[in-house]
């Protein structure tokens, strides 16, 4: 099991300010050296619960165009996290839609 260093108050502040500015996870990762996409995504989820953030986007239904883009990016070999960022979707949503459309998980969840 991999454990990382606890988040510092500076990192928490950078993350909170970035969220307030509407930055995406990939942008926030660039501001937080040493933190993975998954660590930042997990921390965002925890902060939103803690802060009771009302700016969380409601779920959007997947359109046929969304599915075509998803499959196109998948066949180009992009990682799930990259696809999620490109489509502005959650990692879980991307994984579920790929599974739903008959695509096996070609990469581990930690990719």
Protein backbone atom coordinates (compact mmCIF):
# COMPACT_ATOMS: atom_id res chain seq x y z
CA UNK A 1 0.00 0.00 0.00
CA UNK A 2 1.36 3.40 -1.00
CA UNK A 3 1.11 6.26 1.44
CA UNK A 4 2.13 9.81 0.76
CA UNK A 5 3.01 12.78 2.89
CA UNK A 6 0.12 14.65 4.50
CA UNK A 7 -1.11 17.69 2.64
CA UNK A 8 0.41 20.96 3.83
CA UNK A 9 -1.63 24.05 4.56
CA UNK A 10 0.03 25.72 1.55
CA UNK A 11 -1.06 22.84 -0.72
CA UNK A 12 -4.59 22.99 0.68
CA UNK A 13 -4.69 26.73 0.05
CA UNK A 14 -3.35 26.33 -3.51
CA UNK A 15 -5.98 23.69 -4.18
CA UNK A 16 -8.83 25.70 -2.67
CA UNK A 17 -7.86 28.85 -4.57
CA UNK A 18 -7.48 26.88 -7.80
CA UNK A 19 -10.93 25.37 -7.36
CA UNK A 20 -12.37 28.83 -6.72
CA UNK A 21 -10.81 29.98 -10.02
CA UNK A 22 -12.38 27.01 -11.79
CA UNK A 23 -9.16 25.16 -12.61
CA UNK A 24 -9.35 21.53 -13.73
CA UNK A 25 -7.54 18.68 -12.00
CA UNK A 26 -4.80 18.59 -14.64
CA UNK A 27 -4.13 22.30 -14.09
CA UNK A 28 -4.03 21.82 -10.33
CA UNK A 29 -1.58 18.92 -10.61
CA UNK A 30 0.83 21.27 -12.39
CA UNK A 31 0.59 23.67 -9.44
CA UNK A 32 1.24 20.89 -6.90
CA UNK A 33 4.54 19.16 -7.71
CA UNK A 34 4.79 15.73 -6.17
CA UNK A 35 1.01 15.17 -6.17
CA UNK A 36 -0.52 12.77 -8.66
CA UNK A 37 -3.71 13.34 -10.62
CA UNK A 38 -5.44 10.81 -8.38
CA UNK A 39 -4.19 12.42 -5.16
CA UNK A 40 -5.45 15.82 -6.28
CA UNK A 41 -8.79 14.40 -7.46
CA UNK A 42 -9.27 12.57 -4.14
CA UNK A 43 -8.39 15.68 -2.13
CA UNK A 44 -10.84 17.77 -4.17
CA UNK A 45 -13.60 15.30 -3.37
CA UNK A 46 -12.73 15.41 0.32
CA UNK A 47 -12.58 19.22 0.35
CA UNK A 48 -15.93 19.53 -1.41
CA UNK A 49 -17.53 17.35 1.23
CA UNK A 50 -15.78 19.24 4.01
CA UNK A 51 -16.56 22.67 2.54
CA UNK A 52 -20.05 21.66 1.38
CA UNK A 53 -19.28 23.19 -1.97
CA UNK A 54 -22.45 23.98 -3.89
CA UNK A 55 -20.59 24.49 -7.18
CA UNK A 56 -20.36 20.76 -7.89
CA UNK A 57 -21.59 20.13 -11.40
CA UNK A 58 -24.74 18.04 -11.73
CA UNK A 59 -24.39 14.85 -13.73
CA UNK A 60 -24.67 15.31 -17.46
CA UNK A 61 -26.13 12.54 -19.57
CA UNK A 62 -23.78 11.02 -22.13
CA UNK A 63 -24.80 11.92 -25.68
CA UNK A 64 -23.99 9.85 -28.74
CA UNK A 65 -21.37 12.48 -29.67
CA UNK A 66 -19.81 12.13 -26.20
CA UNK A 67 -19.59 8.36 -26.66
CA UNK A 68 -18.00 8.76 -30.11
CA UNK A 69 -15.39 11.16 -28.68
CA UNK A 70 -14.78 8.81 -25.76
CA UNK A 71 -14.20 5.82 -28.02
CA UNK A 72 -12.02 7.85 -30.37
CA UNK A 73 -9.75 8.95 -27.52
CA UNK A 74 -9.70 5.40 -26.16
CA UNK A 75 -8.61 3.97 -29.52
CA UNK A 76 -5.90 6.65 -29.80
CA UNK A 77 -4.40 5.14 -26.65
CA UNK A 78 -5.03 7.96 -24.20
CA UNK A 79 -5.07 7.05 -20.52
CA UNK A 80 -8.36 7.14 -18.68
CA UNK A 81 -7.34 10.23 -16.70
CA UNK A 82 -6.45 12.04 -19.94
CA UNK A 83 -9.77 11.08 -21.50
CA UNK A 84 -11.64 12.27 -18.40
CA UNK A 85 -9.87 15.61 -18.53
CA UNK A 86 -10.40 16.04 -22.28
CA UNK A 87 -14.12 15.32 -21.98
CA UNK A 88 -14.55 17.18 -18.67
CA UNK A 89 -15.91 13.98 -17.10
CA UNK A 90 -15.07 12.05 -13.97
CA UNK A 91 -12.62 9.18 -14.13
CA UNK A 92 -15.33 6.81 -12.88
CA UNK A 93 -17.74 8.03 -15.53
CA UNK A 94 -15.21 7.38 -18.28
CA UNK A 95 -14.41 3.91 -16.95
CA UNK A 96 -18.10 3.03 -16.64
CA UNK A 97 -18.95 4.20 -20.16
CA UNK A 98 -16.04 2.24 -21.63
CA UNK A 99 -17.18 -0.85 -19.75
CA UNK A 100 -20.78 -0.25 -20.82
CA UNK A 101 -19.70 -0.08 -24.46
CA UNK A 102 -17.73 -3.32 -24.30
CA UNK A 103 -14.25 -1.97 -23.73
CA UNK A 104 -12.24 -3.84 -21.10
CA UNK A 105 -10.12 -1.95 -18.64
CA UNK A 106 -6.80 -2.02 -20.43
CA UNK A 107 -5.06 -0.14 -17.66
CA UNK A 108 -5.12 -0.32 -13.92
CA UNK A 109 -7.06 2.19 -11.87
CA UNK A 110 -3.77 3.77 -10.75
CA UNK A 111 -2.80 4.77 -14.31
